[in-house]
């Protein structure tokens, strides 16, 4: 959706979402989306934080002021690769790296606590030398406060744990794991949009600045 809004890919691709062999088959594939801004393919979960580490460390070595942001999911941090990356980021004091965890308690196979518990997330990252910030992922003021705090942190990578509810605002999607990787049909889409209203109007003027 972000790539479409920014004009990298056409909205005509929407009907192909989650279709096998389509450009939007699921996880972004940089080979199928050339020139789209997708610089690395995903699919094997856990790679994102390692890629972000490499970028952040490269900027440090080149003495560049660039900042790197990595979005993480609950199920993703079941992967051992995430914790290797967390250890490396803490060791090299990558204070130009920010991870943002969408913490909704669900993953594609069900509840985190049933599949593989990930708690306590904050203590685990702190043990690897990270600064931890908690935020309400549905509250722009809370998120803005978190990012302002993040700017004050030096010599440590930062993770913002954003507490959210999967599918919030849509009665038949809210807090249901089965919607993790499922595209709505036309009827479901219309119903969801009717229930949630125009998200653009709700967020207009409420974004993060600076």
N, C-alpha and C. Protein backbone atom coordinates (compact mmCIF):
# COMPACT_ATOMS: atom_id res chain seq x y z
N UNK A 1 0.83 -1.20 0.00
CA UNK A 1 0.00 0.00 0.00
C UNK A 1 0.87 1.26 0.00
N UNK A 2 1.94 1.25 0.79
CA UNK A 2 2.84 2.41 0.84
C UNK A 2 3.51 2.62 -0.51
N UNK A 3 3.97 1.53 -1.13
CA UNK A 3 4.62 1.64 -2.44
C UNK A 3 3.66 2.19 -3.49
N UNK A 4 2.39 1.81 -3.39
CA UNK A 4 1.38 2.33 -4.32
C UNK A 4 1.12 3.81 -4.09
N UNK A 5 0.97 4.19 -2.83
CA UNK A 5 0.71 5.59 -2.50
C UNK A 5 1.85 6.49 -2.93
N UNK A 6 3.06 5.95 -2.91
CA UNK A 6 4.24 6.74 -3.30
C UNK A 6 4.55 6.64 -4.80
N UNK A 7 3.72 5.88 -5.53
CA UNK A 7 3.87 5.81 -6.97
C UNK A 7 4.91 4.85 -7.49
N UNK A 8 5.44 3.98 -6.64
CA UNK A 8 6.45 3.02 -7.09
C UNK A 8 5.82 1.88 -7.91
N UNK A 9 4.63 1.46 -7.52
CA UNK A 9 3.93 0.41 -8.27
C UNK A 9 2.49 0.86 -8.48
N UNK A 10 1.86 0.33 -9.54
CA UNK A 10 0.51 0.75 -9.89
C UNK A 10 -0.58 0.09 -9.06
N UNK A 11 -1.67 0.83 -8.86
CA UNK A 11 -2.79 0.29 -8.09
C UNK A 11 -3.55 -0.79 -8.86
N UNK A 12 -3.24 -0.91 -10.14
CA UNK A 12 -3.87 -1.96 -10.94
C UNK A 12 -3.44 -3.36 -10.50
N UNK A 13 -2.40 -3.41 -9.66
CA UNK A 13 -1.91 -4.71 -9.17
C UNK A 13 -2.71 -5.23 -7.98
N UNK A 14 -3.57 -4.40 -7.41
CA UNK A 14 -4.30 -4.78 -6.19
C UNK A 14 -5.01 -6.13 -6.32
N UNK A 15 -5.74 -6.41 -7.42
CA UNK A 15 -6.45 -7.69 -7.52
C UNK A 15 -5.54 -8.92 -7.46
N UNK A 16 -4.24 -8.72 -7.70
CA UNK A 16 -3.31 -9.86 -7.71
C UNK A 16 -2.71 -10.15 -6.34
N UNK A 17 -3.14 -9.41 -5.31
CA UNK A 17 -2.58 -9.59 -3.97
C UNK A 17 -2.77 -11.02 -3.48
N UNK A 18 -1.69 -11.63 -3.02
CA UNK A 18 -1.66 -12.99 -2.48
C UNK A 18 -1.91 -14.06 -3.54
N UNK A 19 -1.80 -13.71 -4.83
CA UNK A 19 -1.95 -14.70 -5.89
C UNK A 19 -0.58 -15.27 -6.25
N UNK A 20 -0.49 -16.60 -6.35
CA UNK A 20 0.77 -17.26 -6.66
C UNK A 20 1.34 -16.75 -7.99
N UNK A 21 2.63 -16.47 -8.00
CA UNK A 21 3.37 -16.00 -9.17
C UNK A 21 3.06 -14.56 -9.57
N UNK A 22 2.24 -13.87 -8.81
CA UNK A 22 1.98 -12.46 -9.11
C UNK A 22 3.08 -11.60 -8.49
N UNK A 23 3.11 -10.32 -8.86
CA UNK A 23 4.10 -9.42 -8.29
C UNK A 23 3.83 -9.16 -6.81
N UNK A 24 2.58 -9.38 -6.41
CA UNK A 24 2.20 -9.17 -5.01
C UNK A 24 1.79 -10.49 -4.38
N UNK A 25 2.58 -11.54 -4.65
CA UNK A 25 2.20 -12.87 -4.20
C UNK A 25 2.20 -13.02 -2.68
N UNK A 26 2.85 -12.14 -1.99
CA UNK A 26 2.89 -12.22 -0.53
C UNK A 26 4.02 -11.35 -0.03
N UNK A 27 5.14 -11.99 0.27
CA UNK A 27 6.32 -11.21 0.66
C UNK A 27 6.93 -10.55 -0.58
N UNK A 28 7.35 -9.29 -0.49
CA UNK A 28 7.91 -8.58 -1.65
C UNK A 28 9.13 -9.29 -2.23
N UNK A 29 9.17 -9.36 -3.54
CA UNK A 29 10.28 -9.97 -4.27
C UNK A 29 10.92 -8.89 -5.14
N UNK A 30 12.16 -8.53 -4.83
CA UNK A 30 12.80 -7.42 -5.54
C UNK A 30 12.98 -7.71 -7.03
N UNK A 31 13.05 -9.00 -7.41
CA UNK A 31 13.20 -9.34 -8.82
C UNK A 31 11.91 -9.13 -9.59
N UNK A 32 10.78 -9.25 -8.90
CA UNK A 32 9.49 -9.04 -9.56
C UNK A 32 9.04 -7.59 -9.48
N UNK A 33 9.73 -6.80 -8.66
CA UNK A 33 9.35 -5.39 -8.48
C UNK A 33 10.55 -4.48 -8.70
N UNK A 34 11.20 -4.57 -9.87
CA UNK A 34 12.37 -3.71 -10.11
C UNK A 34 11.99 -2.23 -10.11
N UNK A 35 12.86 -1.42 -9.52
CA UNK A 35 12.61 0.01 -9.47
C UNK A 35 11.51 0.43 -8.51
N UNK A 36 11.09 -0.50 -7.65
CA UNK A 36 9.97 -0.23 -6.75
C UNK A 36 10.42 0.30 -5.39
N UNK A 37 11.71 0.28 -5.14
CA UNK A 37 12.19 0.67 -3.82
C UNK A 37 12.40 -0.53 -2.91
N UNK A 38 12.00 -1.73 -3.37
CA UNK A 38 12.23 -2.95 -2.59
C UNK A 38 13.67 -3.40 -2.86
N UNK A 39 14.53 -3.26 -1.86
CA UNK A 39 15.96 -3.53 -2.04
C UNK A 39 16.37 -4.93 -1.60
N UNK A 40 15.47 -5.65 -0.96
CA UNK A 40 15.79 -7.01 -0.52
C UNK A 40 14.51 -7.83 -0.48
N UNK A 41 14.57 -9.06 -0.96
CA UNK A 41 13.41 -9.94 -0.90
C UNK A 41 13.24 -10.46 0.52
N UNK A 42 12.01 -10.74 0.88
CA UNK A 42 11.74 -11.32 2.20
C UNK A 42 11.01 -12.64 2.01
N UNK A 43 10.67 -13.26 3.09
CA UNK A 43 9.99 -14.54 3.01
C UNK A 43 10.48 -15.45 4.11
N UNK A 44 11.78 -15.65 4.17
CA UNK A 44 12.35 -16.35 5.32
C UNK A 44 12.41 -15.33 6.45
N UNK A 45 11.53 -15.49 7.42
CA UNK A 45 11.38 -14.48 8.46
C UNK A 45 12.66 -14.28 9.26
N UNK A 46 12.85 -13.05 9.70
CA UNK A 46 13.99 -12.74 10.54
C UNK A 46 15.12 -12.02 9.83
N UNK A 47 15.05 -11.94 8.50
CA UNK A 47 16.15 -11.33 7.76
C UNK A 47 16.21 -9.82 7.90
N UNK A 48 15.06 -9.19 8.10
CA UNK A 48 14.98 -7.73 8.10
C UNK A 48 15.93 -7.04 9.06
N UNK A 49 16.00 -7.53 10.29
CA UNK A 49 16.85 -6.87 11.28
C UNK A 49 18.32 -7.05 10.94
N UNK A 50 18.69 -8.19 10.37
CA UNK A 50 20.08 -8.40 9.96
C UNK A 50 20.46 -7.47 8.82
N UNK A 51 19.55 -7.30 7.86
CA UNK A 51 19.80 -6.38 6.75
C UNK A 51 19.93 -4.95 7.28
N UNK A 52 19.05 -4.59 8.21
CA UNK A 52 19.12 -3.25 8.81
C UNK A 52 20.43 -3.05 9.55
N UNK A 53 20.89 -4.10 10.24
CA UNK A 53 22.20 -4.04 10.91
C UNK A 53 23.31 -3.70 9.93
N UNK A 54 23.32 -4.40 8.80
CA UNK A 54 24.35 -4.18 7.80
C UNK A 54 24.35 -2.76 7.29
N UNK A 55 23.16 -2.23 7.04
CA UNK A 55 23.04 -0.85 6.57
C UNK A 55 23.52 0.13 7.63
N UNK A 56 23.07 -0.07 8.87
CA UNK A 56 23.43 0.84 9.96
C UNK A 56 24.94 0.82 10.22
N UNK A 57 25.53 -0.37 10.21
CA UNK A 57 26.97 -0.49 10.44
C UNK A 57 27.75 0.16 9.30
N UNK A 58 27.28 -0.02 8.06
CA UNK A 58 27.95 0.59 6.91
C UNK A 58 27.93 2.12 7.01
N UNK A 59 26.78 2.67 7.42
CA UNK A 59 26.69 4.13 7.58
C UNK A 59 27.66 4.62 8.66
N UNK A 60 27.77 3.84 9.73
CA UNK A 60 28.70 4.19 10.81
C UNK A 60 30.15 4.21 10.29
N UNK A 61 30.52 3.16 9.57
CA UNK A 61 31.89 3.05 9.06
C UNK A 61 32.20 4.16 8.06
N UNK A 62 31.18 4.57 7.29
CA UNK A 62 31.36 5.64 6.31
C UNK A 62 31.16 7.03 6.92
N UNK A 63 30.90 7.04 8.24
CA UNK A 63 30.68 8.30 8.97
C UNK A 63 29.55 9.13 8.34
N UNK A 64 28.47 8.44 7.99
CA UNK A 64 27.29 9.10 7.43
C UNK A 64 26.20 9.20 8.49
N UNK A 65 25.37 10.25 8.44
CA UNK A 65 24.36 10.47 9.48
C UNK A 65 23.06 9.70 9.27
N UNK A 66 22.99 8.86 8.25
CA UNK A 66 21.75 8.16 7.94
C UNK A 66 21.24 7.32 9.10
N UNK A 67 19.91 7.25 9.21
CA UNK A 67 19.27 6.41 10.22
C UNK A 67 18.55 5.25 9.54
N UNK A 68 18.46 4.12 10.22
CA UNK A 68 17.86 2.92 9.66
C UNK A 68 16.71 2.47 10.57
N UNK A 69 15.57 2.11 9.95
CA UNK A 69 14.41 1.65 10.70
C UNK A 69 14.01 0.26 10.21
N UNK A 70 13.74 -0.64 11.15
CA UNK A 70 13.32 -2.01 10.81
C UNK A 70 12.00 -2.31 11.49
N UNK A 71 11.02 -2.74 10.71
CA UNK A 71 9.72 -3.12 11.27
C UNK A 71 9.71 -4.62 11.52
N UNK A 72 9.31 -5.01 12.72
CA UNK A 72 9.31 -6.42 13.12
C UNK A 72 7.91 -6.86 13.52
N UNK A 73 7.66 -8.16 13.39
CA UNK A 73 6.40 -8.73 13.83
C UNK A 73 6.61 -9.73 14.95
N UNK A 74 5.54 -10.02 15.68
CA UNK A 74 5.62 -10.95 16.81
C UNK A 74 6.16 -12.32 16.40
N UNK A 75 5.56 -12.91 15.36
CA UNK A 75 5.99 -14.23 14.93
C UNK A 75 7.42 -14.23 14.43
N UNK A 76 7.81 -13.13 13.82
CA UNK A 76 9.17 -13.01 13.27
C UNK A 76 10.23 -13.15 14.34
N UNK A 77 9.95 -12.63 15.54
CA UNK A 77 11.00 -12.67 16.55
C UNK A 77 11.08 -14.02 17.27
N UNK A 78 10.33 -15.01 16.76
CA UNK A 78 10.58 -16.40 17.17
C UNK A 78 11.89 -16.90 16.55
N UNK A 79 12.30 -16.25 15.46
CA UNK A 79 13.46 -16.72 14.70
C UNK A 79 14.78 -16.40 15.42
N UNK A 80 15.67 -17.38 15.45
CA UNK A 80 16.97 -17.18 16.10
C UNK A 80 17.80 -16.09 15.46
N UNK A 81 17.60 -15.89 14.16
CA UNK A 81 18.36 -14.87 13.43
C UNK A 81 18.13 -13.47 14.02
N UNK A 82 16.92 -13.24 14.53
CA UNK A 82 16.61 -11.94 15.14
C UNK A 82 17.52 -11.70 16.34
N UNK A 83 17.73 -12.72 17.14
CA UNK A 83 18.50 -12.53 18.36
C UNK A 83 20.00 -12.45 18.08
N UNK A 84 20.47 -13.08 17.01
CA UNK A 84 21.85 -12.86 16.58
C UNK A 84 22.03 -11.40 16.15
N UNK A 85 21.02 -10.89 15.43
CA UNK A 85 21.08 -9.50 14.98
C UNK A 85 21.01 -8.54 16.16
N UNK A 86 20.16 -8.88 17.13
CA UNK A 86 20.04 -8.03 18.33
C UNK A 86 21.37 -7.97 19.07
N UNK A 87 22.04 -9.12 19.16
CA UNK A 87 23.33 -9.17 19.84
C UNK A 87 24.38 -8.33 19.12
N UNK A 88 24.40 -8.42 17.78
CA UNK A 88 25.37 -7.66 17.00
C UNK A 88 25.13 -6.15 17.14
N UNK A 89 23.86 -5.74 17.04
CA UNK A 89 23.54 -4.31 17.12
C UNK A 89 23.95 -3.72 18.46
N UNK A 90 23.74 -4.49 19.53
CA UNK A 90 24.15 -4.02 20.85
C UNK A 90 25.66 -3.95 20.97
N UNK A 91 26.35 -4.96 20.44
CA UNK A 91 27.81 -5.00 20.52
C UNK A 91 28.45 -3.80 19.81
N UNK A 92 27.93 -3.46 18.64
CA UNK A 92 28.50 -2.36 17.86
C UNK A 92 27.85 -1.00 18.16
N UNK A 93 26.98 -0.99 19.17
CA UNK A 93 26.35 0.26 19.63
C UNK A 93 25.74 1.04 18.46
N UNK A 94 24.90 0.37 17.70
CA UNK A 94 24.31 0.97 16.51
C UNK A 94 23.16 1.91 16.89
N UNK A 95 23.52 3.10 17.35
CA UNK A 95 22.50 4.05 17.79
C UNK A 95 21.81 4.76 16.62
N UNK A 96 22.18 4.38 15.39
CA UNK A 96 21.46 4.88 14.22
C UNK A 96 20.42 3.88 13.74
N UNK A 97 20.20 2.83 14.54
CA UNK A 97 19.24 1.78 14.21
C UNK A 97 18.05 1.81 15.17
N UNK A 98 16.85 1.80 14.60
CA UNK A 98 15.62 1.73 15.39
C UNK A 98 14.77 0.57 14.88
N UNK A 99 14.41 -0.33 15.77
CA UNK A 99 13.48 -1.41 15.43
C UNK A 99 12.11 -1.04 16.01
N UNK A 100 11.07 -1.32 15.25
CA UNK A 100 9.70 -1.05 15.71
C UNK A 100 8.95 -2.38 15.66
N UNK A 101 8.51 -2.85 16.80
CA UNK A 101 7.82 -4.13 16.88
C UNK A 101 6.31 -3.93 16.94
N UNK A 102 5.60 -4.50 15.96
CA UNK A 102 4.14 -4.51 15.96
C UNK A 102 3.73 -5.66 16.88
N UNK A 103 3.46 -5.33 18.12
CA UNK A 103 3.22 -6.34 19.16
C UNK A 103 1.72 -6.52 19.39
N UNK A 104 1.14 -7.47 18.64
CA UNK A 104 -0.31 -7.71 18.78
C UNK A 104 -0.64 -9.07 19.37
N UNK A 105 0.37 -9.85 19.71
CA UNK A 105 0.14 -11.12 20.39
C UNK A 105 -0.27 -12.27 19.49
N UNK A 106 -0.30 -12.02 18.16
CA UNK A 106 -0.72 -13.07 17.23
C UNK A 106 0.32 -13.26 16.13
N UNK A 107 0.31 -14.44 15.54
CA UNK A 107 1.11 -14.72 14.35
C UNK A 107 0.30 -15.66 13.48
N UNK A 108 0.82 -16.04 12.32
CA UNK A 108 0.00 -16.75 11.34
C UNK A 108 -0.58 -18.06 11.88
N UNK A 109 0.10 -18.70 12.83
CA UNK A 109 -0.36 -19.99 13.35
C UNK A 109 -1.19 -19.87 14.63
N UNK A 110 -1.42 -18.66 15.11
CA UNK A 110 -2.22 -18.50 16.32
C UNK A 110 -1.62 -17.52 17.31
N UNK A 111 -1.91 -17.74 18.59
CA UNK A 111 -1.40 -16.85 19.64
C UNK A 111 0.08 -17.12 19.90
N UNK A 112 0.82 -16.06 20.15
CA UNK A 112 2.25 -16.21 20.44
C UNK A 112 2.48 -17.19 21.58
N UNK A 113 1.67 -17.07 22.62
CA UNK A 113 1.89 -17.88 23.82
C UNK A 113 1.67 -19.37 23.55
N UNK A 114 0.89 -19.69 22.50
CA UNK A 114 0.65 -21.09 22.15
C UNK A 114 1.71 -21.63 21.19
N UNK A 115 2.15 -20.79 20.25
CA UNK A 115 3.13 -21.21 19.25
C UNK A 115 4.53 -21.25 19.85
N UNK A 116 4.97 -20.11 20.37
CA UNK A 116 6.25 -20.01 21.07
C UNK A 116 6.28 -18.68 21.80
N UNK A 117 6.29 -18.75 23.11
CA UNK A 117 6.25 -17.51 23.88
C UNK A 117 7.48 -16.65 23.60
N UNK A 118 7.25 -15.35 23.50
CA UNK A 118 8.34 -14.41 23.22
C UNK A 118 8.57 -13.45 24.38
N UNK A 119 7.82 -13.63 25.45
CA UNK A 119 7.95 -12.73 26.59
C UNK A 119 9.07 -13.19 27.52
N UNK A 120 9.72 -12.26 28.26
CA UNK A 120 9.50 -10.81 28.20
C UNK A 120 10.37 -10.18 27.10
N UNK A 121 9.74 -9.56 26.13
CA UNK A 121 10.47 -9.00 24.99
C UNK A 121 11.42 -7.90 25.43
N UNK A 122 10.93 -7.00 26.29
CA UNK A 122 11.76 -5.85 26.68
C UNK A 122 13.03 -6.29 27.40
N UNK A 123 12.90 -7.23 28.32
CA UNK A 123 14.08 -7.68 29.07
C UNK A 123 15.10 -8.37 28.17
N UNK A 124 14.60 -9.08 27.17
CA UNK A 124 15.52 -9.78 26.25
C UNK A 124 16.34 -8.78 25.45
N UNK A 125 15.68 -7.75 24.91
CA UNK A 125 16.43 -6.75 24.14
C UNK A 125 17.36 -5.95 25.03
N UNK A 126 16.91 -5.65 26.23
CA UNK A 126 17.79 -4.92 27.17
C UNK A 126 19.04 -5.73 27.47
N UNK A 127 18.89 -7.06 27.56
CA UNK A 127 20.04 -7.92 27.85
C UNK A 127 21.08 -7.87 26.73
N UNK A 128 20.63 -7.53 25.52
CA UNK A 128 21.55 -7.42 24.39
C UNK A 128 22.03 -5.98 24.18
N UNK A 129 21.73 -5.11 25.13
CA UNK A 129 22.26 -3.75 25.07
C UNK A 129 21.40 -2.74 24.33
N UNK A 130 20.11 -3.02 24.21
CA UNK A 130 19.20 -2.10 23.54
C UNK A 130 18.47 -1.21 24.55
N UNK A 131 18.06 -0.03 24.09
CA UNK A 131 17.16 0.82 24.87
C UNK A 131 15.75 0.50 24.40
N UNK A 132 14.85 0.26 25.34
CA UNK A 132 13.48 -0.15 25.03
C UNK A 132 12.49 0.97 25.35
N UNK A 133 11.60 1.23 24.40
CA UNK A 133 10.53 2.22 24.59
C UNK A 133 9.20 1.53 24.30
N UNK A 134 8.23 1.74 25.17
CA UNK A 134 6.89 1.18 24.97
C UNK A 134 5.96 2.27 24.43
N UNK A 135 5.05 1.88 23.53
CA UNK A 135 4.11 2.85 22.97
C UNK A 135 2.80 2.15 22.62
N UNK A 136 1.74 2.96 22.51
CA UNK A 136 0.46 2.48 22.02
C UNK A 136 0.49 2.63 20.50
N UNK A 137 0.51 1.53 19.80
CA UNK A 137 0.64 1.57 18.35
C UNK A 137 -0.55 2.15 17.61
N UNK A 138 -1.65 2.40 18.31
CA UNK A 138 -2.83 3.00 17.69
C UNK A 138 -2.98 4.48 18.04
N UNK A 139 -2.06 5.00 18.79
CA UNK A 139 -2.14 6.38 19.28
C UNK A 139 -0.97 7.19 18.71
N UNK A 140 -1.28 8.13 17.84
CA UNK A 140 -0.22 8.92 17.20
C UNK A 140 0.57 9.74 18.21
N UNK A 141 -0.11 10.24 19.24
CA UNK A 141 0.60 11.01 20.27
C UNK A 141 1.61 10.13 21.00
N UNK A 142 1.19 8.90 21.31
CA UNK A 142 2.08 7.97 22.00
C UNK A 142 3.28 7.62 21.11
N UNK A 143 3.03 7.42 19.83
CA UNK A 143 4.11 7.10 18.90
C UNK A 143 5.06 8.28 18.73
N UNK A 144 4.49 9.48 18.64
CA UNK A 144 5.34 10.66 18.50
C UNK A 144 6.23 10.85 19.72
N UNK A 145 5.66 10.61 20.90
CA UNK A 145 6.43 10.70 22.13
C UNK A 145 7.57 9.68 22.12
N UNK A 146 7.27 8.48 21.63
CA UNK A 146 8.29 7.42 21.57
C UNK A 146 9.44 7.82 20.65
N UNK A 147 9.11 8.39 19.49
CA UNK A 147 10.17 8.78 18.55
C UNK A 147 10.97 9.97 19.06
N UNK A 148 10.32 10.85 19.81
CA UNK A 148 11.06 11.96 20.41
C UNK A 148 12.05 11.45 21.45
N UNK A 149 11.61 10.47 22.26
CA UNK A 149 12.52 9.86 23.23
C UNK A 149 13.66 9.17 22.50
N UNK A 150 13.33 8.51 21.40
CA UNK A 150 14.34 7.79 20.66
C UNK A 150 15.49 8.71 20.23
N UNK A 151 15.16 9.95 19.86
CA UNK A 151 16.18 10.90 19.39
C UNK A 151 17.20 11.25 20.48
N UNK A 152 16.84 11.03 21.73
CA UNK A 152 17.74 11.39 22.83
C UNK A 152 18.71 10.28 23.19
N UNK A 153 18.54 9.09 22.62
CA UNK A 153 19.34 7.93 23.01
C UNK A 153 20.63 7.86 22.19
N UNK A 154 21.74 7.75 22.87
CA UNK A 154 23.04 7.65 22.22
C UNK A 154 23.73 6.33 22.62
N UNK A 155 24.55 5.82 21.72
CA UNK A 155 25.40 4.65 21.97
C UNK A 155 24.63 3.35 22.19
N UNK A 156 23.35 3.32 21.79
CA UNK A 156 22.57 2.09 21.89
C UNK A 156 21.57 2.03 20.74
N UNK A 157 21.32 0.82 20.21
CA UNK A 157 20.18 0.68 19.30
C UNK A 157 18.90 0.80 20.12
N UNK A 158 17.81 1.12 19.46
CA UNK A 158 16.54 1.32 20.16
C UNK A 158 15.46 0.45 19.54
N UNK A 159 14.62 -0.14 20.39
CA UNK A 159 13.43 -0.82 19.90
C UNK A 159 12.22 -0.16 20.53
N UNK A 160 11.24 0.16 19.69
CA UNK A 160 9.95 0.68 20.14
C UNK A 160 8.96 -0.47 20.07
N UNK A 161 8.47 -0.89 21.23
CA UNK A 161 7.47 -1.97 21.28
C UNK A 161 6.10 -1.31 21.22
N UNK A 162 5.46 -1.40 20.05
CA UNK A 162 4.17 -0.76 19.83
C UNK A 162 3.05 -1.77 20.04
N UNK A 163 2.33 -1.63 21.13
CA UNK A 163 1.23 -2.55 21.43
C UNK A 163 0.04 -2.25 20.51
N UNK A 164 -0.42 -3.27 19.81
CA UNK A 164 -1.51 -3.09 18.85
C UNK A 164 -2.51 -4.24 18.95
N UNK A 165 -3.62 -4.08 18.23
CA UNK A 165 -4.61 -5.15 18.07
C UNK A 165 -4.72 -5.43 16.58
N UNK A 166 -4.47 -6.66 16.19
CA UNK A 166 -4.54 -7.03 14.77
C UNK A 166 -5.94 -6.74 14.23
N UNK A 167 -6.01 -6.05 13.09
CA UNK A 167 -7.30 -5.78 12.46
C UNK A 167 -8.19 -4.83 13.23
N UNK A 168 -7.62 -3.99 14.07
CA UNK A 168 -8.41 -3.10 14.92
C UNK A 168 -9.38 -2.25 14.10
N UNK A 169 -10.62 -2.22 14.58
CA UNK A 169 -11.64 -1.40 13.94
C UNK A 169 -12.51 -2.13 12.96
N UNK A 170 -12.17 -3.39 12.65
CA UNK A 170 -12.96 -4.20 11.72
C UNK A 170 -13.48 -5.42 12.48
N UNK A 171 -14.79 -5.50 12.64
CA UNK A 171 -15.39 -6.50 13.53
C UNK A 171 -15.02 -7.94 13.19
N UNK A 172 -14.95 -8.27 11.90
CA UNK A 172 -14.69 -9.67 11.54
C UNK A 172 -13.20 -9.98 11.37
N UNK A 173 -12.36 -8.96 11.48
CA UNK A 173 -10.92 -9.18 11.39
C UNK A 173 -10.21 -9.01 12.72
N UNK A 174 -10.78 -8.21 13.60
CA UNK A 174 -10.08 -7.81 14.82
C UNK A 174 -9.69 -8.99 15.69
N UNK A 175 -8.39 -9.03 16.01
CA UNK A 175 -7.83 -10.03 16.91
C UNK A 175 -8.02 -11.47 16.43
N UNK A 176 -8.00 -11.65 15.10
CA UNK A 176 -8.15 -12.99 14.53
C UNK A 176 -6.91 -13.34 13.70
N UNK A 177 -6.22 -14.39 14.12
CA UNK A 177 -4.95 -14.77 13.48
C UNK A 177 -5.13 -15.17 12.03
N UNK A 178 -6.31 -15.68 11.66
CA UNK A 178 -6.49 -16.16 10.29
C UNK A 178 -6.39 -15.06 9.23
N UNK A 179 -6.48 -13.80 9.68
CA UNK A 179 -6.35 -12.69 8.73
C UNK A 179 -4.90 -12.23 8.58
N UNK A 180 -3.98 -12.96 9.16
CA UNK A 180 -2.56 -12.59 9.07
C UNK A 180 -2.08 -12.50 7.62
N UNK A 181 -2.42 -13.50 6.82
CA UNK A 181 -1.93 -13.53 5.44
C UNK A 181 -3.04 -13.75 4.44
N UNK A 182 -4.21 -13.21 4.71
CA UNK A 182 -5.37 -13.44 3.86
C UNK A 182 -5.86 -12.13 3.25
N UNK A 183 -6.14 -12.15 1.96
CA UNK A 183 -6.67 -10.95 1.30
C UNK A 183 -8.19 -11.00 1.30
N UNK A 184 -8.87 -9.89 1.64
CA UNK A 184 -10.33 -9.89 1.65
C UNK A 184 -10.90 -9.94 0.23
N UNK A 185 -12.07 -10.55 0.08
CA UNK A 185 -12.74 -10.47 -1.22
C UNK A 185 -13.44 -9.11 -1.31
N UNK A 186 -14.10 -8.86 -2.41
CA UNK A 186 -14.69 -7.52 -2.62
C UNK A 186 -15.74 -7.19 -1.57
N UNK A 187 -16.57 -8.16 -1.22
CA UNK A 187 -17.61 -7.93 -0.22
C UNK A 187 -16.99 -7.62 1.15
N UNK A 188 -15.97 -8.40 1.52
CA UNK A 188 -15.30 -8.18 2.80
C UNK A 188 -14.58 -6.84 2.83
N UNK A 189 -13.97 -6.49 1.70
CA UNK A 189 -13.27 -5.20 1.62
C UNK A 189 -14.25 -4.05 1.83
N UNK A 190 -15.38 -4.09 1.15
CA UNK A 190 -16.37 -3.01 1.28
C UNK A 190 -16.90 -2.92 2.70
N UNK A 191 -17.14 -4.07 3.31
CA UNK A 191 -17.64 -4.08 4.69
C UNK A 191 -16.60 -3.50 5.64
N UNK A 192 -15.34 -3.88 5.44
CA UNK A 192 -14.27 -3.38 6.31
C UNK A 192 -14.13 -1.87 6.18
N UNK A 193 -14.16 -1.35 4.96
CA UNK A 193 -14.03 0.08 4.74
C UNK A 193 -15.20 0.85 5.33
N UNK A 194 -16.39 0.24 5.28
CA UNK A 194 -17.57 0.88 5.86
C UNK A 194 -17.44 0.96 7.38
N UNK A 195 -16.94 -0.10 7.98
CA UNK A 195 -16.79 -0.13 9.44
C UNK A 195 -15.70 0.82 9.93
N UNK A 196 -14.60 0.85 9.21
CA UNK A 196 -13.45 1.63 9.67
C UNK A 196 -13.46 3.07 9.20
N UNK A 197 -14.28 3.36 8.17
CA UNK A 197 -14.30 4.71 7.64
C UNK A 197 -13.06 4.98 6.82
N UNK A 198 -12.89 6.21 6.43
CA UNK A 198 -11.74 6.60 5.62
C UNK A 198 -10.53 6.82 6.51
N UNK A 199 -9.61 5.88 6.49
CA UNK A 199 -8.42 5.97 7.33
C UNK A 199 -7.62 7.23 7.03
N UNK A 200 -7.61 7.63 5.75
CA UNK A 200 -6.88 8.83 5.37
C UNK A 200 -7.39 10.05 6.11
N UNK A 201 -8.72 10.17 6.23
CA UNK A 201 -9.30 11.31 6.95
C UNK A 201 -8.94 11.27 8.43
N UNK A 202 -8.92 10.06 8.99
CA UNK A 202 -8.64 9.93 10.42
C UNK A 202 -7.20 10.31 10.75
N UNK A 203 -6.30 10.01 9.83
CA UNK A 203 -4.88 10.25 10.13
C UNK A 203 -4.35 11.55 9.55
N UNK A 204 -5.15 12.24 8.73
CA UNK A 204 -4.70 13.49 8.13
C UNK A 204 -4.31 14.49 9.20
N UNK A 205 -3.09 14.97 9.12
CA UNK A 205 -2.63 15.96 10.10
C UNK A 205 -2.15 15.35 11.40
N UNK A 206 -2.28 14.02 11.53
CA UNK A 206 -1.87 13.39 12.78
C UNK A 206 -0.58 12.61 12.66
N UNK A 207 0.12 12.80 11.53
CA UNK A 207 1.35 12.05 11.32
C UNK A 207 2.50 12.56 12.16
N UNK A 208 3.61 11.84 12.06
CA UNK A 208 4.80 12.22 12.81
C UNK A 208 5.61 13.23 12.02
N UNK A 209 6.07 14.25 12.69
CA UNK A 209 6.85 15.29 12.04
C UNK A 209 8.28 15.29 12.55
N UNK A 210 9.22 15.67 11.66
CA UNK A 210 10.61 15.83 12.10
C UNK A 210 11.36 14.53 12.19
